[in-house]
Amino acid sequence: MQIWHSNGDFGILGHSFRVGGASLRAALGIPHSAIKTLGRWTSACYALYLRDYSSEDMAETCRLLEVLNG
């Protein structure tokens, strides 16, 4: 998270990655059963973490992943 803070993004917390990870996996078409397993959820509460990804969100996410992967 230090990299985000160095860029002035103080609203990002560890929980943001839990939401983002679940949402990205859902947007990529990963089955909800796998999302539950990866997030160590044992109930349907995982669905509360899922956010819709627009095509712009997906493009930005892919761009950021390319930068991070070098």
N, C-alpha and C. Protein backbone atom coordinates (compact mmCIF):
# COMPACT_ATOMS: atom_id res chain seq x y z
N MET A 1 0.82 -1.18 0.00
CA MET A 1 0.00 0.00 0.00
C MET A 1 0.87 1.25 0.00
N GLN A 2 2.12 1.09 0.33
CA GLN A 2 3.01 2.24 0.37
C GLN A 2 3.09 2.94 -0.98
N ILE A 3 3.06 2.18 -2.06
CA ILE A 3 3.12 2.79 -3.39
C ILE A 3 1.91 3.68 -3.65
N TRP A 4 0.75 3.26 -3.17
CA TRP A 4 -0.45 4.10 -3.35
C TRP A 4 -0.35 5.36 -2.50
N HIS A 5 0.11 5.21 -1.27
CA HIS A 5 0.24 6.37 -0.39
C HIS A 5 1.24 7.36 -0.96
N SER A 6 2.31 6.87 -1.58
CA SER A 6 3.31 7.78 -2.16
C SER A 6 2.73 8.58 -3.33
N ASN A 7 1.65 8.08 -3.91
CA ASN A 7 0.98 8.80 -5.00
C ASN A 7 -0.23 9.59 -4.52
N GLY A 8 -0.40 9.67 -3.20
CA GLY A 8 -1.48 10.47 -2.64
C GLY A 8 -2.81 9.75 -2.52
N ASP A 9 -2.83 8.44 -2.72
CA ASP A 9 -4.07 7.65 -2.61
C ASP A 9 -4.18 7.09 -1.20
N PHE A 10 -4.72 7.90 -0.29
CA PHE A 10 -4.82 7.48 1.11
C PHE A 10 -6.12 6.76 1.41
N GLY A 11 -7.04 6.69 0.45
CA GLY A 11 -8.32 6.03 0.67
C GLY A 11 -8.26 4.53 0.44
N ILE A 12 -7.11 4.02 0.04
CA ILE A 12 -6.98 2.59 -0.24
C ILE A 12 -6.49 1.88 1.02
N LEU A 13 -7.25 0.90 1.45
CA LEU A 13 -6.91 0.11 2.62
C LEU A 13 -6.80 -1.35 2.22
N GLY A 14 -6.35 -2.18 3.13
CA GLY A 14 -6.23 -3.61 2.84
C GLY A 14 -7.54 -4.23 2.39
N HIS A 15 -8.63 -3.76 2.97
CA HIS A 15 -9.95 -4.28 2.62
C HIS A 15 -10.29 -3.96 1.16
N SER A 16 -9.72 -2.88 0.63
CA SER A 16 -9.96 -2.52 -0.77
C SER A 16 -9.52 -3.63 -1.70
N PHE A 17 -8.44 -4.33 -1.33
CA PHE A 17 -7.93 -5.41 -2.17
C PHE A 17 -8.85 -6.62 -2.13
N ARG A 18 -9.51 -6.84 -1.02
CA ARG A 18 -10.47 -7.94 -0.91
C ARG A 18 -11.66 -7.69 -1.84
N VAL A 19 -12.17 -6.47 -1.81
CA VAL A 19 -13.27 -6.09 -2.70
C VAL A 19 -12.81 -6.15 -4.15
N GLY A 20 -11.67 -5.54 -4.43
CA GLY A 20 -11.17 -5.48 -5.80
C GLY A 20 -10.85 -6.85 -6.37
N GLY A 21 -10.25 -7.70 -5.54
CA GLY A 21 -9.90 -9.04 -6.01
C GLY A 21 -11.13 -9.86 -6.36
N ALA A 22 -12.12 -9.81 -5.51
CA ALA A 22 -13.36 -10.55 -5.78
C ALA A 22 -14.07 -9.99 -7.00
N SER A 23 -14.11 -8.66 -7.10
CA SER A 23 -14.81 -8.02 -8.23
C SER A 23 -14.11 -8.30 -9.55
N LEU A 24 -12.78 -8.21 -9.55
CA LEU A 24 -12.04 -8.48 -10.78
C LEU A 24 -12.23 -9.92 -11.22
N ARG A 25 -12.14 -10.84 -10.29
CA ARG A 25 -12.34 -12.25 -10.66
C ARG A 25 -13.73 -12.49 -11.25
N ALA A 26 -14.73 -11.86 -10.66
CA ALA A 26 -16.09 -12.00 -11.20
C ALA A 26 -16.16 -11.40 -12.60
N ALA A 27 -15.53 -10.25 -12.81
CA ALA A 27 -15.54 -9.60 -14.13
C ALA A 27 -14.82 -10.45 -15.17
N LEU A 28 -13.83 -11.23 -14.73
CA LEU A 28 -13.10 -12.11 -15.64
C LEU A 28 -13.83 -13.42 -15.90
N GLY A 29 -14.97 -13.60 -15.25
CA GLY A 29 -15.77 -14.79 -15.48
C GLY A 29 -15.40 -15.98 -14.63
N ILE A 30 -14.61 -15.76 -13.60
CA ILE A 30 -14.25 -16.85 -12.70
C ILE A 30 -15.49 -17.26 -11.92
N PRO A 31 -15.75 -18.55 -11.81
CA PRO A 31 -16.96 -19.01 -11.12
C PRO A 31 -17.02 -18.51 -9.67
N HIS A 32 -18.22 -18.19 -9.23
CA HIS A 32 -18.39 -17.68 -7.87
C HIS A 32 -17.92 -18.68 -6.83
N SER A 33 -18.02 -19.96 -7.12
CA SER A 33 -17.52 -20.97 -6.17
C SER A 33 -16.02 -20.83 -5.97
N ALA A 34 -15.29 -20.52 -7.04
CA ALA A 34 -13.84 -20.31 -6.93
C ALA A 34 -13.53 -19.02 -6.19
N ILE A 35 -14.31 -17.98 -6.43
CA ILE A 35 -14.12 -16.71 -5.72
C ILE A 35 -14.31 -16.92 -4.22
N LYS A 36 -15.33 -17.69 -3.86
CA LYS A 36 -15.57 -17.99 -2.44
C LYS A 36 -14.38 -18.73 -1.84
N THR A 37 -13.86 -19.70 -2.56
CA THR A 37 -12.73 -20.48 -2.06
C THR A 37 -11.49 -19.60 -1.92
N LEU A 38 -11.18 -18.82 -2.94
CA LEU A 38 -10.00 -17.96 -2.91
C LEU A 38 -10.08 -16.92 -1.80
N GLY A 39 -11.28 -16.42 -1.54
CA GLY A 39 -11.47 -15.43 -0.49
C GLY A 39 -11.71 -16.02 0.88
N ARG A 40 -11.73 -17.35 0.95
CA ARG A 40 -11.98 -18.08 2.20
C ARG A 40 -13.32 -17.71 2.82
N TRP A 41 -14.32 -17.51 1.95
CA TRP A 41 -15.68 -17.26 2.42
C TRP A 41 -16.40 -18.59 2.52
N THR A 42 -17.17 -18.77 3.56
CA THR A 42 -17.93 -20.02 3.72
C THR A 42 -19.43 -19.80 3.55
N SER A 43 -19.82 -18.56 3.30
CA SER A 43 -21.24 -18.26 3.09
C SER A 43 -21.38 -17.38 1.85
N ALA A 44 -22.60 -16.98 1.59
CA ALA A 44 -22.86 -16.14 0.41
C ALA A 44 -22.50 -14.67 0.65
N CYS A 45 -21.89 -14.35 1.79
CA CYS A 45 -21.54 -12.95 2.06
C CYS A 45 -20.51 -12.42 1.07
N TYR A 46 -19.79 -13.30 0.36
CA TYR A 46 -18.84 -12.85 -0.65
C TYR A 46 -19.52 -11.94 -1.68
N ALA A 47 -20.81 -12.19 -1.93
CA ALA A 47 -21.53 -11.41 -2.94
C ALA A 47 -21.63 -9.94 -2.56
N LEU A 48 -21.52 -9.62 -1.27
CA LEU A 48 -21.55 -8.23 -0.83
C LEU A 48 -20.30 -7.47 -1.29
N TYR A 49 -19.25 -8.20 -1.62
CA TYR A 49 -17.99 -7.60 -2.03
C TYR A 49 -17.91 -7.34 -3.53
N LEU A 50 -18.79 -7.94 -4.29
CA LEU A 50 -18.71 -7.84 -5.74
C LEU A 50 -19.23 -6.51 -6.24
N ARG A 51 -18.43 -5.87 -7.08
CA ARG A 51 -18.81 -4.60 -7.71
C ARG A 51 -18.79 -4.81 -9.21
N ASP A 52 -19.67 -4.11 -9.92
CA ASP A 52 -19.70 -4.21 -11.37
C ASP A 52 -18.47 -3.52 -11.97
N TYR A 53 -17.92 -4.12 -12.99
CA TYR A 53 -16.80 -3.55 -13.73
C TYR A 53 -17.33 -3.04 -15.07
N SER A 54 -17.11 -1.78 -15.36
CA SER A 54 -17.45 -1.25 -16.69
C SER A 54 -16.30 -1.59 -17.64
N SER A 55 -16.51 -1.39 -18.91
CA SER A 55 -15.43 -1.65 -19.87
C SER A 55 -14.26 -0.71 -19.60
N GLU A 56 -14.56 0.51 -19.13
CA GLU A 56 -13.49 1.45 -18.78
C GLU A 56 -12.71 0.97 -17.56
N ASP A 57 -13.42 0.43 -16.57
CA ASP A 57 -12.76 -0.13 -15.39
C ASP A 57 -11.82 -1.26 -15.79
N MET A 58 -12.31 -2.14 -16.66
CA MET A 58 -11.51 -3.28 -17.09
C MET A 58 -10.27 -2.82 -17.85
N ALA A 59 -10.43 -1.84 -18.73
CA ALA A 59 -9.29 -1.32 -19.50
C ALA A 59 -8.26 -0.71 -18.56
N GLU A 60 -8.70 0.05 -17.57
CA GLU A 60 -7.78 0.67 -16.61
C GLU A 60 -7.08 -0.39 -15.77
N THR A 61 -7.81 -1.41 -15.35
CA THR A 61 -7.22 -2.49 -14.57
C THR A 61 -6.15 -3.21 -15.38
N CYS A 62 -6.44 -3.51 -16.64
CA CYS A 62 -5.46 -4.18 -17.50
C CYS A 62 -4.23 -3.31 -17.70
N ARG A 63 -4.43 -2.00 -17.86
CA ARG A 63 -3.31 -1.09 -18.03
C ARG A 63 -2.43 -1.09 -16.77
N LEU A 64 -3.05 -1.02 -15.60
CA LEU A 64 -2.29 -1.03 -14.36
C LEU A 64 -1.54 -2.34 -14.17
N LEU A 65 -2.17 -3.46 -14.51
CA LEU A 65 -1.50 -4.75 -14.39
C LEU A 65 -0.28 -4.84 -15.31
N GLU A 66 -0.39 -4.27 -16.51
CA GLU A 66 0.75 -4.25 -17.42
C GLU A 66 1.90 -3.45 -16.84
N VAL A 67 1.59 -2.30 -16.24
CA VAL A 67 2.63 -1.47 -15.62
C VAL A 67 3.28 -2.22 -14.46
N LEU A 68 2.47 -2.83 -13.61
CA LEU A 68 3.00 -3.55 -12.45
C LEU A 68 3.82 -4.77 -12.86
N ASN A 69 3.45 -5.40 -13.95
CA ASN A 69 4.18 -6.58 -14.42
C ASN A 69 5.43 -6.22 -15.21
N GLY A 70 5.58 -4.92 -15.51
CA GLY A 70 6.77 -4.43 -16.20
C GLY A 70 6.83 -4.90 -17.60
